[in-house]
Amino acid sequence: MENKSIRVTGEAESKVNRRGTLIFHLALTVSYMAGIYWLSSIPGTVDPEEAAIYGIIAWTPPAVQNLLHVPLFGSLAWLWYRTLSCWFESRMVLLSWSFLLAAGYGAIDEYHQLQVPGRYASLTDMALNILGAVLVLWLLTWRENQLR
């Protein structure tokens, strides 16, 4: 019996692998953004009968909550960088789009918090979102330059 399977080679195989990588990274990035949305949907005042995770977040001091914006949106910028690297080869284009998408989502997240009871938008939070994105993208650039 003859094997009728088709083996994909060369450029076609590269495109298949690249597409799979893109889908994986895009799904991971969008899932992470959904997690941020969920976190920012938690009301500012928590009923004692609510889930324990809400209580833990409500008991976290506001200064710590604010500082957590840096790694949260820095990670989002890194995820966008990984996702977009499947599309763009130019480092400047990658860095620009990664920053714009992470910072833009930070602005959307701050607007979203205006709709959540007991929550509010803050320019400080927005600045920390931007700081996180800039810091991580700068570290990525620095690391890539060290590896060359």
Protein backbone atom coordinates (compact mmCIF):
# COMPACT_ATOMS: atom_id res chain seq x y z
CA MET A 1 0.00 0.00 0.00
CA GLU A 2 1.38 3.38 -1.01
CA ASN A 3 1.64 6.24 1.47
CA LYS A 4 -0.56 9.04 0.09
CA SER A 5 0.29 11.69 2.70
CA ILE A 6 1.62 14.96 1.40
CA ARG A 7 4.70 16.38 3.04
CA VAL A 8 4.88 20.16 3.14
CA THR A 9 8.40 21.43 2.64
CA GLY A 10 10.38 24.59 2.20
CA GLU A 11 8.59 27.91 1.99
CA ALA A 12 5.10 26.40 2.37
CA GLU A 13 6.13 24.69 5.62
CA SER A 14 7.54 27.96 6.93
CA LYS A 15 4.24 29.75 6.20
CA VAL A 16 2.25 27.04 8.00
CA ASN A 17 4.51 27.23 11.07
CA ARG A 18 4.43 31.03 11.03
CA ARG A 19 0.63 31.07 10.88
CA GLY A 20 0.36 28.62 13.79
CA THR A 21 2.75 30.75 15.83
CA LEU A 22 0.77 33.88 14.99
CA ILE A 23 -2.53 32.31 16.04
CA PHE A 24 -1.02 31.05 19.30
CA HIS A 25 0.52 34.41 20.22
CA LEU A 26 -2.57 36.35 19.20
CA ALA A 27 -4.81 34.07 21.30
CA LEU A 28 -2.46 34.46 24.27
CA THR A 29 -2.38 38.26 23.91
CA VAL A 30 -6.16 38.60 23.56
CA SER A 31 -6.67 36.28 26.56
CA TYR A 32 -4.30 38.44 28.61
CA MET A 33 -6.26 41.54 27.59
CA ALA A 34 -9.48 39.80 28.66
CA GLY A 35 -7.84 39.17 32.04
CA ILE A 36 -7.01 42.87 32.37
CA TYR A 37 -10.62 43.70 31.47
CA TRP A 38 -11.86 41.27 34.13
CA LEU A 39 -9.56 42.79 36.77
CA SER A 40 -10.70 46.32 35.94
CA SER A 41 -14.34 45.19 36.14
CA ILE A 42 -14.06 44.37 39.85
CA PRO A 43 -16.06 47.00 41.78
CA GLY A 44 -14.18 49.40 44.02
CA THR A 45 -16.34 48.41 46.99
CA VAL A 46 -16.67 44.69 47.63
CA ASP A 47 -19.55 42.92 49.36
CA PRO A 48 -18.23 40.49 52.04
CA GLU A 49 -20.24 37.71 50.40
CA GLU A 50 -18.41 38.13 47.08
CA ALA A 51 -15.66 35.77 45.94
CA ALA A 52 -12.44 35.76 47.96
CA ILE A 53 -10.38 37.04 45.02
CA TYR A 54 -12.37 40.26 45.07
CA GLY A 55 -11.59 40.70 48.75
CA ILE A 56 -7.88 40.14 48.21
CA ILE A 57 -7.82 42.77 45.49
CA ALA A 58 -9.93 45.18 47.57
CA TRP A 59 -7.57 44.76 50.54
CA THR A 60 -4.49 45.49 48.46
CA PRO A 61 -3.36 49.04 49.26
CA PRO A 62 -4.06 51.55 46.45
CA ALA A 63 -0.36 52.41 46.08
CA VAL A 64 0.44 48.74 45.40
CA GLN A 65 -2.50 48.47 42.99
CA ASN A 66 -1.17 51.50 41.12
CA LEU A 67 2.37 50.10 40.91
CA LEU A 68 1.04 46.80 39.53
CA HIS A 69 0.07 48.70 36.36
CA VAL A 70 3.77 48.76 35.39
CA PRO A 71 4.31 44.97 35.09
CA LEU A 72 0.73 44.42 33.89
CA PHE A 73 1.03 46.69 30.85
CA GLY A 74 4.72 45.94 30.38
CA SER A 75 3.73 42.30 29.94
CA LEU A 76 1.04 43.33 27.49
CA ALA A 77 3.62 45.27 25.43
CA TRP A 78 5.88 42.19 25.43
CA LEU A 79 3.00 39.96 24.30
CA TRP A 80 2.17 42.36 21.46
CA TYR A 81 5.86 42.45 20.49
CA ARG A 82 5.93 38.62 20.28
CA THR A 83 2.65 38.53 18.35
CA LEU A 84 3.57 41.25 15.88
CA SER A 85 7.01 39.74 15.23
CA CYS A 86 5.13 37.19 13.11
CA TRP A 87 4.04 40.04 10.81
CA PHE A 88 6.77 42.66 10.89
CA GLU A 89 10.51 42.31 10.61
CA SER A 90 11.42 45.95 11.24
CA ARG A 91 12.28 46.44 14.90
CA MET A 92 11.11 50.06 14.85
CA VAL A 93 7.71 49.03 13.46
CA LEU A 94 7.47 46.25 16.08
CA LEU A 95 8.33 48.59 18.93
CA SER A 96 5.98 51.33 17.71
CA TRP A 97 2.96 49.07 17.23
CA SER A 98 3.61 47.18 20.47
CA PHE A 99 3.74 50.45 22.38
CA LEU A 100 0.66 51.90 20.68
CA LEU A 101 -1.42 48.78 21.26
CA ALA A 102 -0.40 48.38 24.91
CA ALA A 103 -0.76 52.09 25.75
CA GLY A 104 -3.98 52.33 23.73
CA TYR A 105 -5.47 49.41 25.60
CA GLY A 106 -4.37 51.10 28.83
CA ALA A 107 -6.40 54.17 27.83
CA ILE A 108 -9.40 52.00 26.95
CA ASP A 109 -9.05 50.22 30.29
CA GLU A 110 -9.04 53.51 32.18
CA TYR A 111 -12.19 54.60 30.31
CA HIS A 112 -13.80 51.23 31.11
CA GLN A 113 -13.17 51.80 34.81
CA LEU A 114 -15.37 54.91 34.65
CA GLN A 115 -18.31 52.55 34.11
CA VAL A 116 -17.48 50.29 37.10
CA PRO A 117 -19.08 51.16 40.47
CA GLY A 118 -16.51 52.45 42.95
CA ARG A 119 -13.76 52.71 40.30
CA TYR A 120 -12.40 55.74 38.51
CA ALA A 121 -10.00 56.62 35.72
CA SER A 122 -6.68 58.12 36.67
CA LEU A 123 -3.95 59.92 34.75
CA THR A 124 -1.48 58.38 37.20
CA ASP A 125 -2.66 54.90 36.21
CA MET A 126 -2.38 55.85 32.54
CA ALA A 127 1.17 57.13 33.08
CA LEU A 128 2.08 53.88 34.87
CA ASN A 129 0.58 51.87 31.98
CA ILE A 130 2.78 53.81 29.55
CA LEU A 131 5.81 53.47 31.83
CA GLY A 132 5.37 49.69 31.94
CA ALA A 133 5.14 49.45 28.15
CA VAL A 134 8.14 51.74 27.59
CA LEU A 135 10.27 49.98 30.21
CA VAL A 136 9.68 46.49 28.84
CA LEU A 137 10.17 47.54 25.22
CA TRP A 138 13.38 49.34 26.18
CA LEU A 139 14.59 46.18 27.98
CA LEU A 140 13.76 44.10 24.89
CA THR A 141 15.75 46.49 22.71
CA TRP A 142 18.67 46.51 25.13
CA ARG A 143 18.69 42.70 25.32
CA GLU A 144 18.55 42.30 21.54
CA ASN A 145 21.46 44.73 21.17
CA GLN A 146 23.48 42.74 23.72
CA LEU A 147 22.88 39.50 21.81
CA ARG A 148 24.15 40.93 18.50
